[in-house]
Amino acid sequence: MSKRKSVPESGKVGPVIYLSTRYGEVAKQLTVPRDPRTPHQLATRSNFAFVTRSWQLLAPEQFTAWDIMGADRAVMAWLGRDTPLPGYDLYVLVNNGRLAIGLSVYDLPQALPTFTPNPTRELVATISDGIFNLKLHVLSQPVEHTLLLAASPRSPGVRCVQHFPFLGFLPAPVDGWCDLTELFVRRYGVPALGRAIFIRTRQHINGWNDLPKEVSARITAA
């Protein structure tokens, strides 16, 4: 006679996890979460830890200021909320975003800005004699901190891109054109003729970003 191991109400037996739910006993395969610990992941975790620690060092009146800001109706509307956002959550939201783009942490919340229309227009990508150039037309001087985000070069048939890493701040325009070549090549190298390039720009003021504006171009011979 052989012994049979009974199924536990909850717990792990070998590669199987058993759970007791309102629908009865459930068994599922054990999976180990994937954690490649990329530089971006590590930087994000480091920033979050720093912001969390810095919150603990604020004065009582600074805590109150963040709570008041989180309950402001304009801020709630901007965030798409019907209820106030706790001061801690707003502090983390604003300052995590600032650290991610290399800016300093705010001890006090800044006023919600009024964004003017994003002045960026068409994107032009060319290769001439093996030299790649990527330029963005702007109608007026962008705000000081305009974020440049770009996807990796894609097939010309691609129409929708989801992943846009932050490359840096939009360079100052010369005669109405911002030269994005150095920032793009630093991240992705020189792309091939015929590939499609997608970028997004976002204006950043006082810890707040406006909605992204996306433009794209196919690399052509100059």
Protein backbone atom coordinates (compact mmCIF):
# COMPACT_ATOMS: atom_id res chain seq x y z
CA MET A 1 0.00 0.00 0.00
CA SER A 2 1.43 3.39 -1.00
CA LYS A 3 0.81 6.61 0.80
CA ARG A 4 -0.86 9.48 -1.03
CA LYS A 5 0.01 13.03 -0.12
CA SER A 6 -3.18 15.01 0.52
CA VAL A 7 -3.73 18.36 -1.16
CA PRO A 8 -3.31 21.18 1.38
CA GLU A 9 -5.93 23.90 1.78
CA SER A 10 -3.24 26.41 0.87
CA GLY A 11 0.47 26.34 0.29
CA LYS A 12 3.05 24.98 -2.13
CA VAL A 13 3.78 21.37 -3.00
CA GLY A 14 6.65 21.06 -5.47
CA PRO A 15 5.96 23.24 -8.50
CA VAL A 16 2.24 23.66 -7.67
CA ILE A 17 0.56 26.30 -5.50
CA TYR A 18 -2.76 25.48 -3.82
CA LEU A 19 -5.24 28.16 -2.86
CA SER A 20 -8.52 27.99 -1.02
CA THR A 21 -11.00 30.38 -2.67
CA ARG A 22 -14.73 30.96 -2.47
CA TYR A 23 -15.01 28.84 -5.62
CA GLY A 24 -13.22 25.92 -4.00
CA GLU A 25 -9.69 24.56 -4.09
CA VAL A 26 -7.52 26.01 -6.85
CA ALA A 27 -4.16 24.70 -8.02
CA LYS A 28 -1.81 26.64 -10.29
CA GLN A 29 1.71 26.28 -11.57
CA LEU A 30 4.38 28.12 -9.61
CA THR A 31 5.92 30.90 -11.67
CA VAL A 32 8.90 32.99 -10.64
CA PRO A 33 8.48 36.69 -11.51
CA ARG A 34 10.98 37.83 -14.12
CA ASP A 35 13.35 40.48 -12.83
CA PRO A 36 16.10 41.25 -15.34
CA ARG A 37 17.32 44.18 -13.18
CA THR A 38 17.90 46.44 -16.15
CA PRO A 39 19.59 49.82 -15.57
CA HIS A 40 16.21 51.50 -16.02
CA GLN A 41 14.59 49.25 -13.40
CA LEU A 42 17.40 49.83 -10.93
CA ALA A 43 17.31 53.60 -11.47
CA THR A 44 13.54 53.66 -10.99
CA ARG A 45 13.80 51.72 -7.73
CA SER A 46 16.61 53.93 -6.51
CA ASN A 47 14.60 57.07 -7.27
CA PHE A 48 11.54 55.71 -5.49
CA ALA A 49 13.60 54.82 -2.41
CA PHE A 50 15.16 58.29 -2.37
CA VAL A 51 11.79 60.04 -2.66
CA THR A 52 10.28 57.87 0.06
CA ARG A 53 13.14 58.69 2.44
CA SER A 54 13.05 62.40 1.62
CA TRP A 55 9.32 62.52 2.43
CA GLN A 56 10.13 61.45 5.99
CA LEU A 57 12.38 64.51 6.41
CA LEU A 58 9.75 67.12 5.56
CA ALA A 59 8.42 69.55 8.17
CA PRO A 60 4.77 69.30 9.34
CA GLU A 61 3.79 72.38 7.36
CA GLN A 62 5.27 70.82 4.22
CA PHE A 63 3.18 67.66 4.75
CA THR A 64 0.12 69.90 5.04
CA ALA A 65 0.99 71.79 1.85
CA TRP A 66 1.11 68.55 -0.15
CA ASP A 67 -2.20 67.39 1.36
CA ILE A 68 -3.84 70.70 0.43
CA MET A 69 -2.47 70.50 -3.11
CA GLY A 70 -3.75 66.93 -3.50
CA ALA A 71 -7.25 68.09 -2.54
CA ASP A 72 -7.25 71.00 -4.99
CA ARG A 73 -10.05 70.52 -7.51
CA ALA A 74 -7.90 71.63 -10.44
CA VAL A 75 -5.25 69.06 -9.51
CA MET A 76 -7.89 66.36 -9.08
CA ALA A 77 -9.31 67.19 -12.50
CA TRP A 78 -5.85 67.15 -14.10
CA LEU A 79 -5.21 63.70 -12.63
CA GLY A 80 -8.68 62.47 -13.61
CA ARG A 81 -9.74 61.89 -10.01
CA ASP A 82 -13.02 62.41 -8.17
CA THR A 83 -11.40 62.22 -4.74
CA PRO A 84 -8.38 63.99 -3.21
CA LEU A 85 -4.95 62.47 -3.69
CA PRO A 86 -3.09 62.00 -0.38
CA GLY A 87 -0.16 64.36 0.02
CA TYR A 88 2.37 61.52 0.12
CA ASP A 89 1.08 60.08 -3.15
CA LEU A 90 1.23 63.48 -4.85
CA TYR A 91 4.77 64.08 -3.51
CA VAL A 92 5.92 60.73 -4.90
CA LEU A 93 4.15 61.28 -8.22
CA VAL A 94 5.71 64.69 -8.82
CA ASN A 95 9.20 63.98 -7.54
CA ASN A 96 9.59 60.53 -9.07
CA GLY A 97 8.79 62.15 -12.38
CA ARG A 98 11.37 64.88 -11.83
CA LEU A 99 14.14 62.49 -10.79
CA ALA A 100 13.44 60.34 -13.85
CA ILE A 101 14.37 63.27 -16.10
CA GLY A 102 17.31 64.47 -14.02
CA LEU A 103 15.66 67.35 -12.15
CA SER A 104 15.74 68.12 -8.41
CA VAL A 105 13.13 67.19 -5.81
CA TYR A 106 10.54 69.70 -4.62
CA ASP A 107 10.00 70.03 -0.87
CA LEU A 108 6.88 72.09 -1.49
CA PRO A 109 4.30 71.62 -4.25
CA GLN A 110 4.40 74.08 -7.13
CA ALA A 111 1.36 75.69 -8.72
CA LEU A 112 -0.38 73.73 -11.46
CA PRO A 113 0.77 75.45 -14.67
CA THR A 114 -1.25 76.50 -17.68
CA PHE A 115 0.29 74.85 -20.71
CA THR A 116 0.38 76.65 -24.04
CA PRO A 117 -0.01 74.51 -27.18
CA ASN A 118 3.03 72.36 -27.93
CA PRO A 119 4.89 74.27 -30.70
CA THR A 120 6.51 71.21 -32.33
CA ARG A 121 5.51 70.38 -35.90
CA GLU A 122 6.95 68.08 -38.58
CA LEU A 123 9.90 65.72 -38.23
CA VAL A 124 12.49 65.38 -41.00
CA ALA A 125 14.92 62.43 -41.16
CA THR A 126 17.54 62.17 -43.90
CA ILE A 127 20.75 60.36 -44.80
CA SER A 128 23.18 62.08 -47.17
CA ASP A 129 26.60 60.61 -48.01
CA GLY A 130 26.20 58.28 -45.04
CA ILE A 131 25.47 61.12 -42.63
CA PHE A 132 22.22 60.90 -40.68
CA ASN A 133 20.26 64.00 -39.68
CA LEU A 134 17.11 64.23 -37.60
CA LYS A 135 15.44 67.61 -37.14
CA LEU A 136 12.16 68.79 -35.64
CA HIS A 137 10.39 71.93 -36.80
CA VAL A 138 9.02 74.23 -34.07
CA LEU A 139 6.81 77.28 -34.52
CA SER A 140 8.09 79.05 -31.40
CA GLN A 141 10.58 78.68 -28.56
CA PRO A 142 9.67 75.53 -26.55
CA VAL A 143 9.45 75.72 -22.76
CA GLU A 144 12.74 75.25 -20.91
CA HIS A 145 12.13 71.59 -20.10
CA THR A 146 10.52 69.97 -23.12
CA LEU A 147 11.00 66.21 -22.94
CA LEU A 148 12.14 64.30 -26.03
CA LEU A 149 11.01 60.68 -26.13
CA ALA A 150 11.72 58.37 -29.05
CA ALA A 151 11.03 54.80 -30.07
CA SER A 152 13.67 52.64 -31.71
CA PRO A 153 13.70 52.76 -35.55
CA ARG A 154 10.83 50.75 -37.00
CA SER A 155 9.67 49.20 -40.24
CA PRO A 156 8.04 51.82 -42.51
CA GLY A 157 4.79 49.84 -42.31
CA VAL A 158 4.45 50.38 -38.56
CA ARG A 159 1.64 52.77 -37.62
CA CYS A 160 1.48 52.47 -33.82
CA VAL A 161 4.31 52.43 -31.27
CA GLN A 162 3.92 52.01 -27.52
CA HIS A 163 7.40 52.29 -25.98
CA PHE A 164 9.00 55.77 -25.98
CA PRO A 165 12.12 56.02 -23.76
CA PHE A 166 13.25 59.45 -22.56
CA LEU A 167 16.27 60.69 -24.54
CA GLY A 168 16.79 64.11 -23.00
CA PHE A 169 15.49 67.65 -23.24
CA LEU A 170 14.64 69.19 -26.58
CA PRO A 171 17.65 71.19 -27.85
CA ALA A 172 17.22 74.90 -28.47
CA PRO A 173 15.98 75.62 -31.99
CA VAL A 174 18.11 77.28 -34.66
CA ASP A 175 16.09 79.04 -37.36
CA GLY A 176 13.01 77.14 -36.23
CA TRP A 177 14.57 73.66 -36.20
CA CYS A 178 15.72 71.52 -33.25
CA ASP A 179 18.55 69.12 -34.09
CA LEU A 180 17.74 65.74 -32.50
CA THR A 181 20.50 63.78 -34.23
CA GLU A 182 22.96 63.48 -31.34
CA LEU A 183 20.34 62.47 -28.77
CA PHE A 184 18.82 59.86 -31.08
CA VAL A 185 22.12 58.33 -32.24
CA ARG A 186 23.41 58.19 -28.65
CA ARG A 187 20.49 55.93 -27.79
CA TYR A 188 19.90 53.90 -30.97
CA GLY A 189 22.89 54.38 -33.25
CA VAL A 190 22.57 55.41 -36.90
CA PRO A 191 19.37 53.97 -38.41
CA ALA A 192 19.11 52.56 -41.91
CA LEU A 193 17.64 54.36 -44.90
CA GLY A 194 13.90 53.77 -45.19
CA ARG A 195 13.27 53.09 -41.50
CA ALA A 196 10.54 54.98 -39.68
CA ILE A 197 11.21 57.18 -36.66
CA PHE A 198 8.58 58.03 -34.07
CA ILE A 199 9.09 60.70 -31.41
CA ARG A 200 7.01 62.35 -28.72
CA THR A 201 7.49 65.67 -26.97
CA ARG A 202 6.05 66.74 -23.61
CA GLN A 203 6.28 70.10 -21.92
CA HIS A 204 7.37 69.98 -18.27
CA ILE A 205 6.64 72.85 -15.88
CA ASN A 206 6.79 72.80 -12.05
CA GLY A 207 6.78 69.02 -11.88
CA TRP A 208 3.83 68.63 -14.26
CA ASN A 209 3.80 67.27 -17.82
CA ASP A 210 1.29 68.06 -20.53
CA LEU A 211 -0.05 65.40 -22.88
CA PRO A 212 2.49 63.98 -25.34
CA LYS A 213 2.54 65.13 -28.95
CA GLU A 214 3.65 62.47 -31.43
CA VAL A 215 5.17 62.94 -34.88
CA SER A 216 6.95 60.52 -37.20
CA ALA A 217 9.04 60.48 -40.37
CA ARG A 218 10.52 57.98 -42.78
CA ILE A 219 14.26 58.29 -43.40
CA THR A 220 14.89 59.43 -46.94
CA ALA A 221 17.94 60.32 -49.01
CA ALA A 222 18.64 64.02 -48.75
